[in-house]
Amino acid sequence: MAKKYTAGCACGAVRFEFNTDPDFVAVCHCLDCKKASGGEAATWFGVPENDFSLTQGKPTAYSYVADSGGKLDRNFCPTCGARVYTSNLTSFPGLVFVQLGSLDRPGAVTPKLEMFVKRRLPWVRSLGLPEFSDMPH
């Protein structure tokens, strides 16, 4: 039986699912997220590893060291190149960070905060959510 949330890449070669209702949903304006997403920000949220199930395909992982010094793996579809989730974060063990755009129903999840707003571009308006200059503590 499918879990509550289903997700995948643009071409459908990589699929995954989970049941956890996301509670830390961040719109992140940091430079790492800008570069990784190719946009002004990235929207993502954490899911416990023990609830995260890869159901189809095998993503390609790119190991990266963030500005914070923490290591992580960005996972992409090897066929279409879409970034779908981040795993093996040394600063957040036990969590997988899902890219909002990979969800089959992205409207089912609402951002809860904006972070690294010190890096938000001048033409981007606040979402009216709690804002943090850096990583919230």
Protein backbone atom coordinates (compact mmCIF):
# COMPACT_ATOMS: atom_id res chain seq x y z
CA MET A 1 0.00 0.00 0.00
CA ALA A 2 1.32 3.42 -0.94
CA LYS A 3 2.30 5.73 1.85
CA LYS A 4 0.66 9.11 2.48
CA TYR A 5 3.19 11.09 0.41
CA THR A 6 4.57 9.90 -2.92
CA ALA A 7 7.28 11.60 -4.91
CA GLY A 8 9.76 11.23 -7.72
CA CYS A 9 11.89 12.80 -10.38
CA ALA A 10 10.71 14.55 -13.55
CA CYS A 11 10.83 11.42 -15.75
CA GLY A 12 9.50 8.94 -13.17
CA ALA A 13 12.59 6.69 -13.08
CA VAL A 14 13.18 7.44 -9.37
CA ARG A 15 10.23 7.16 -6.96
CA PHE A 16 9.96 7.29 -3.17
CA GLU A 17 7.32 7.63 -0.45
CA PHE A 18 6.83 8.40 3.25
CA ASN A 19 4.05 8.94 5.82
CA THR A 20 5.50 11.66 8.06
CA ASP A 21 3.64 14.96 7.92
CA PRO A 22 6.43 17.52 7.42
CA ASP A 23 6.68 20.03 10.28
CA PHE A 24 9.97 21.80 9.47
CA VAL A 25 9.33 23.04 5.93
CA ALA A 26 11.91 25.65 4.99
CA VAL A 27 12.27 28.06 2.12
CA CYS A 28 16.03 28.44 2.18
CA HIS A 29 17.77 31.39 0.54
CA CYS A 30 21.35 30.26 1.33
CA LEU A 31 23.93 30.28 -1.44
CA ASP A 32 24.20 26.46 -1.38
CA CYS A 33 20.45 26.08 -1.99
CA LYS A 34 20.50 28.71 -4.73
CA LYS A 35 23.30 26.89 -6.56
CA ALA A 36 21.82 23.42 -6.02
CA SER A 37 18.31 24.40 -7.13
CA GLY A 38 19.25 26.78 -9.91
CA GLY A 39 16.74 29.24 -8.47
CA GLU A 40 16.51 32.00 -5.91
CA ALA A 41 15.74 29.54 -3.09
CA ALA A 42 14.99 25.90 -2.39
CA THR A 43 12.03 24.54 -0.43
CA TRP A 44 12.64 21.32 1.47
CA PHE A 45 11.71 19.41 4.61
CA GLY A 46 13.01 16.56 6.74
CA VAL A 47 11.63 13.02 6.85
CA PRO A 48 12.91 10.34 9.25
CA GLU A 49 15.07 7.79 7.41
CA ASN A 50 13.05 4.95 8.91
CA ASP A 51 9.88 6.29 7.20
CA PHE A 52 11.52 7.02 3.83
CA SER A 53 11.19 4.26 1.20
CA LEU A 54 12.83 4.29 -2.22
CA THR A 55 10.28 2.41 -4.36
CA GLN A 56 11.76 2.67 -7.84
CA GLY A 57 15.10 3.37 -9.46
CA LYS A 58 18.45 4.20 -7.97
CA PRO A 59 19.41 7.86 -7.67
CA THR A 60 22.94 9.05 -8.19
CA ALA A 61 24.41 10.68 -5.09
CA TYR A 62 26.74 13.66 -5.27
CA SER A 63 28.70 14.13 -2.03
CA TYR A 64 29.10 17.74 -1.03
CA VAL A 65 30.48 19.82 1.85
CA ALA A 66 28.18 22.75 2.68
CA ASP A 67 29.33 26.21 3.77
CA SER A 68 28.65 25.04 7.34
CA GLY A 69 31.31 22.34 6.92
CA GLY A 70 28.69 19.59 7.16
CA LYS A 71 28.76 16.78 4.63
CA LEU A 72 25.73 15.61 2.68
CA ASP A 73 24.67 13.68 -0.41
CA ARG A 74 22.45 15.32 -3.00
CA ASN A 75 20.48 12.64 -4.82
CA PHE A 76 19.59 13.01 -8.50
CA CYS A 77 17.83 10.89 -11.09
CA PRO A 78 20.54 9.46 -13.37
CA THR A 79 18.14 9.63 -16.32
CA CYS A 80 16.64 13.14 -16.18
CA GLY A 81 19.01 14.83 -13.70
CA ALA A 82 16.27 16.07 -11.35
CA ARG A 83 17.38 16.60 -7.74
CA VAL A 84 14.93 14.73 -5.52
CA TYR A 85 16.33 14.53 -1.99
CA THR A 86 19.38 15.02 0.24
CA SER A 87 20.68 12.31 2.56
CA ASN A 88 23.59 11.49 4.88
CA LEU A 89 23.71 14.96 6.42
CA THR A 90 26.32 14.93 9.16
CA SER A 91 24.54 17.78 10.95
CA PHE A 92 21.10 16.06 10.82
CA PRO A 93 21.65 12.31 11.27
CA GLY A 94 18.60 10.11 10.74
CA LEU A 95 16.84 12.53 8.38
CA VAL A 96 16.35 12.69 4.63
CA PHE A 97 15.58 16.14 3.22
CA VAL A 98 13.01 16.02 0.44
CA GLN A 99 12.76 18.71 -2.23
CA LEU A 100 9.19 20.05 -2.24
CA GLY A 101 9.05 19.97 -6.05
CA SER A 102 9.61 16.21 -6.09
CA LEU A 103 6.23 15.56 -4.40
CA ASP A 104 3.37 14.32 -6.55
CA ARG A 105 1.16 16.74 -4.61
CA PRO A 106 3.45 19.63 -3.58
CA GLY A 107 0.44 21.73 -2.57
CA ALA A 108 -0.18 19.30 0.31
CA VAL A 109 2.83 20.75 2.14
CA THR A 110 3.06 24.39 3.19
CA PRO A 111 6.30 26.22 4.08
CA LYS A 112 6.64 27.10 7.76
CA LEU A 113 9.62 29.48 7.70
CA GLU A 114 12.19 31.28 5.59
CA MET A 115 15.84 30.94 6.45
CA PHE A 116 19.04 32.66 5.36
CA VAL A 117 16.91 35.68 4.49
CA LYS A 118 20.13 37.74 4.61
CA ARG A 119 20.78 36.13 1.20
CA ARG A 120 17.26 36.69 -0.17
CA LEU A 121 17.48 38.70 -3.38
CA PRO A 122 16.06 42.24 -3.21
CA TRP A 123 13.25 41.52 -5.69
CA VAL A 124 11.90 38.57 -3.65
CA ARG A 125 9.07 39.41 -1.26
CA SER A 126 8.71 37.94 2.20
CA LEU A 127 6.19 35.11 2.46
CA GLY A 128 4.97 36.48 5.80
CA LEU A 129 6.37 33.45 7.64
CA PRO A 130 8.83 33.43 10.53
CA GLU A 131 12.19 34.60 9.13
CA PHE A 132 15.71 33.71 10.19
CA SER A 133 18.87 35.46 9.06
CA ASP A 134 20.76 32.15 9.24
CA MET A 135 19.92 28.57 10.28
CA PRO A 136 17.23 28.52 13.00
CA HIS A 137 18.35 27.06 16.34
